[in-house]
C-alpha atoms as a PDB file:
ATOM      1  CA  UNK A   1      21.362  11.587  -1.250  1.00  0.00           C
ATOM      2  CA  UNK A   2      21.372   7.814  -1.777  1.00  0.00           C
ATOM      3  CA  UNK A   3      19.662   7.234   1.582  1.00  0.00           C
ATOM      4  CA  UNK A   4      16.945   9.732   0.656  1.00  0.00           C
ATOM      5  CA  UNK A   5      16.385   7.940  -2.649  1.00  0.00           C
ATOM      6  CA  UNK A   6      16.062   4.595  -0.913  1.00  0.00           C
ATOM      7  CA  UNK A   7      13.666   6.008   1.663  1.00  0.00           C
ATOM      8  CA  UNK A   8      11.567   7.584  -1.068  1.00  0.00           C
ATOM      9  CA  UNK A   9      11.456   4.407  -3.100  1.00  0.00           C
ATOM     10  CA  UNK A  10      10.550   2.250  -0.135  1.00  0.00           C
ATOM     11  CA  UNK A  11       8.043   4.829   1.051  1.00  0.00           C
ATOM     12  CA  UNK A  12       6.402   4.493  -2.343  1.00  0.00           C
ATOM     13  CA  UNK A  13       6.043   0.755  -1.973  1.00  0.00           C
ATOM     14  CA  UNK A  14       5.029   1.048   1.685  1.00  0.00           C
ATOM     15  CA  UNK A  15       1.395   1.069   0.602  1.00  0.00           C
ATOM     16  CA  UNK A  16       1.718  -2.580  -0.278  1.00  0.00           C
ATOM     17  CA  UNK A  17       2.730  -3.384   3.277  1.00  0.00           C
ATOM     18  CA  UNK A  18       0.841  -0.725   5.228  1.00  0.00           C
ATOM     19  CA  UNK A  19      -1.134  -1.945   8.204  1.00  0.00           C
ATOM     20  CA  UNK A  20      -4.645  -0.829   7.429  1.00  0.00           C
ATOM     21  CA  UNK A  21      -7.449  -0.601   9.942  1.00  0.00           C
ATOM     22  CA  UNK A  22     -10.862   0.206   8.480  1.00  0.00           C
ATOM     23  CA  UNK A  23     -14.359  -1.167   8.529  1.00  0.00           C
ATOM     24  CA  UNK A  24     -15.416  -2.176   5.022  1.00  0.00           C
ATOM     25  CA  UNK A  25     -15.549   1.246   3.351  1.00  0.00           C
ATOM     26  CA  UNK A  26     -16.875  -0.310   0.145  1.00  0.00           C
ATOM     27  CA  UNK A  27     -15.646   0.413  -3.352  1.00  0.00           C
ATOM     28  CA  UNK A  28     -14.616   3.918  -4.317  1.00  0.00           C
ATOM     29  CA  UNK A  29     -16.730   5.683  -6.946  1.00  0.00           C
ATOM     30  CA  UNK A  30     -14.245   4.690  -9.649  1.00  0.00           C
ATOM     31  CA  UNK A  31     -14.426   1.026  -8.673  1.00  0.00           C
ATOM     32  CA  UNK A  32     -10.740   1.042  -7.700  1.00  0.00           C
ATOM     33  CA  UNK A  33      -9.740   0.142  -4.147  1.00  0.00           C
ATOM     34  CA  UNK A  34      -8.415   3.063  -2.165  1.00  0.00           C
ATOM     35  CA  UNK A  35      -8.062   4.296   1.369  1.00  0.00           C
ATOM     36  CA  UNK A  36      -7.445   7.543   3.180  1.00  0.00           C
ATOM     37  CA  UNK A  37      -4.163   8.421   4.883  1.00  0.00           C
ATOM     38  CA  UNK A  38      -5.958   8.181   8.232  1.00  0.00           C
ATOM     39  CA  UNK A  39      -6.679   4.500   7.458  1.00  0.00           C
ATOM     40  CA  UNK A  40      -2.951   3.691   7.622  1.00  0.00           C
ATOM     41  CA  UNK A  41      -1.976   2.764  11.164  1.00  0.00           C
ATOM     42  CA  UNK A  42       0.688   5.136  12.459  1.00  0.00           C
ATOM     43  CA  UNK A  43       0.428   7.493   9.482  1.00  0.00           C
ATOM     44  CA  UNK A  44       0.975  10.571  11.636  1.00  0.00           C
ATOM     45  CA  UNK A  45       4.223   9.110  12.992  1.00  0.00           C
ATOM     46  CA  UNK A  46       5.822   8.957   9.529  1.00  0.00           C
ATOM     47  CA  UNK A  47       8.115  11.796   8.515  1.00  0.00           C
ATOM     48  CA  UNK A  48       6.492  14.646   6.558  1.00  0.00           C
ATOM     49  CA  UNK A  49       8.211  13.511   3.340  1.00  0.00           C
ATOM     50  CA  UNK A  50       6.947   9.936   3.670  1.00  0.00           C
ATOM     51  CA  UNK A  51       3.431  11.200   4.466  1.00  0.00           C
ATOM     52  CA  UNK A  52       3.533  13.370   1.326  1.00  0.00           C
ATOM     53  CA  UNK A  53       4.695  10.409  -0.732  1.00  0.00           C
ATOM     54  CA  UNK A  54       1.864   8.238   0.580  1.00  0.00           C
ATOM     55  CA  UNK A  55      -0.693  11.011  -0.003  1.00  0.00           C
ATOM     56  CA  UNK A  56       0.424  11.348  -3.631  1.00  0.00           C
ATOM     57  CA  UNK A  57       0.172   7.577  -4.097  1.00  0.00           C
ATOM     58  CA  UNK A  58      -3.258   7.421  -2.523  1.00  0.00           C
ATOM     59  CA  UNK A  59      -4.514  10.307  -4.649  1.00  0.00           C
ATOM     60  CA  UNK A  60      -3.660   8.304  -7.776  1.00  0.00           C
ATOM     61  CA  UNK A  61      -5.840   5.421  -6.607  1.00  0.00           C
ATOM     62  CA  UNK A  62      -8.885   7.689  -6.833  1.00  0.00           C
ATOM     63  CA  UNK A  63      -8.302   8.529 -10.510  1.00  0.00           C
ATOM     64  CA  UNK A  64      -9.155   5.140 -12.065  1.00  0.00           C
ATOM     65  CA  UNK A  65      -6.022   5.215 -14.211  1.00  0.00           C
ATOM     66  CA  UNK A  66      -5.263   2.663 -16.882  1.00  0.00           C
ATOM     67  CA  UNK A  67      -1.988   1.474 -18.376  1.00  0.00           C
ATOM     68  CA  UNK A  68      -0.324   3.407 -21.189  1.00  0.00           C
ATOM     69  CA  UNK A  69       3.203   2.600 -22.275  1.00  0.00           C
ATOM     70  CA  UNK A  70       5.505   5.610 -22.041  1.00  0.00           C
ATOM     71  CA  UNK A  71       3.138   7.792 -20.007  1.00  0.00           C
ATOM     72  CA  UNK A  72       4.027   9.424 -16.704  1.00  0.00           C
ATOM     73  CA  UNK A  73       1.161  11.920 -16.628  1.00  0.00           C
ATOM     74  CA  UNK A  74      -2.086  10.971 -14.898  1.00  0.00           C
ATOM     75  CA  UNK A  75      -3.839  13.688 -16.922  1.00  0.00           C
ATOM     76  CA  UNK A  76      -3.677  11.295 -19.894  1.00  0.00           C
ATOM     77  CA  UNK A  77      -5.824   8.814 -17.939  1.00  0.00           C
ATOM     78  CA  UNK A  78      -3.094   6.184 -17.867  1.00  0.00           C
ATOM     79  CA  UNK A  79       0.550   5.628 -16.954  1.00  0.00           C
ATOM     80  CA  UNK A  80       3.085   2.840 -17.177  1.00  0.00           C
ATOM     81  CA  UNK A  81       4.856   1.391 -14.131  1.00  0.00           C
ATOM     82  CA  UNK A  82       8.064   3.421 -14.247  1.00  0.00           C
ATOM     83  CA  UNK A  83       6.020   6.478 -15.210  1.00  0.00           C
ATOM     84  CA  UNK A  84       4.005   6.059 -12.024  1.00  0.00           C
ATOM     85  CA  UNK A  85       7.162   5.847  -9.896  1.00  0.00           C
ATOM     86  CA  UNK A  86       8.563   8.870 -11.748  1.00  0.00           C
ATOM     87  CA  UNK A  87       5.384  10.922 -11.278  1.00  0.00           C
ATOM     88  CA  UNK A  88       4.958  10.071  -7.593  1.00  0.00           C
ATOM     89  CA  UNK A  89       8.557  10.757  -6.609  1.00  0.00           C
ATOM     90  CA  UNK A  90       8.656  14.047  -8.532  1.00  0.00           C
ATOM     91  CA  UNK A  91       5.343  15.122  -6.981  1.00  0.00           C
ATOM     92  CA  UNK A  92       6.887  14.383  -3.584  1.00  0.00           C
ATOM     93  CA  UNK A  93       9.821  16.687  -4.354  1.00  0.00           C
ATOM     94  CA  UNK A  94      12.449  14.232  -5.562  1.00  0.00           C
ATOM     95  CA  UNK A  95      13.353  15.800  -8.877  1.00  0.00           C
ATOM     96  CA  UNK A  96      16.356  13.752  -9.991  1.00  0.00           C
ATOM     97  CA  UNK A  97      14.470  10.473 -10.460  1.00  0.00           C
ATOM     98  CA  UNK A  98      15.012   8.890 -13.907  1.00  0.00           C
ATOM     99  CA  UNK A  99      11.991   8.269 -16.123  1.00  0.00           C
ATOM    100  CA  UNK A 100      12.727   4.689 -17.253  1.00  0.00           C
ATOM    101  CA  UNK A 101      12.727   1.520 -15.184  1.00  0.00           C
ATOM    102  CA  UNK A 102      16.317   0.741 -16.170  1.00  0.00           C
ATOM    103  CA  UNK A 103      17.357   4.226 -15.068  1.00  0.00           C
ATOM    104  CA  UNK A 104      15.451   3.851 -11.815  1.00  0.00           C
ATOM    105  CA  UNK A 105      17.145   0.513 -11.160  1.00  0.00           C
ATOM    106  CA  UNK A 106      20.577   2.114 -11.449  1.00  0.00           C
ATOM    107  CA  UNK A 107      19.442   5.234  -9.552  1.00  0.00           C
ATOM    108  CA  UNK A 108      18.217   3.343  -6.480  1.00  0.00           C
END
């Protein structure tokens, strides 16, 4: 299970390092930068679980979310950092992820 946790966590941060190929799509309606899964080079070669994780992450970029301490629910319009990790991993089917950043540090 530890390997799965590591893969999930690093899949989550893969967006920061994804090789993107697109031609100036312009700002999204919310004013927040986003891209479609098809814009990530090699997206279809990722495992189904990693693709799901990336799709969940990308869907959040279209919601124009703010920061709210203690929130892990995008329905509130804002989340904190560990709440975002918690929400994304749970939405991708990893249900034993801790809610707090200190818990996530120990968990990974």
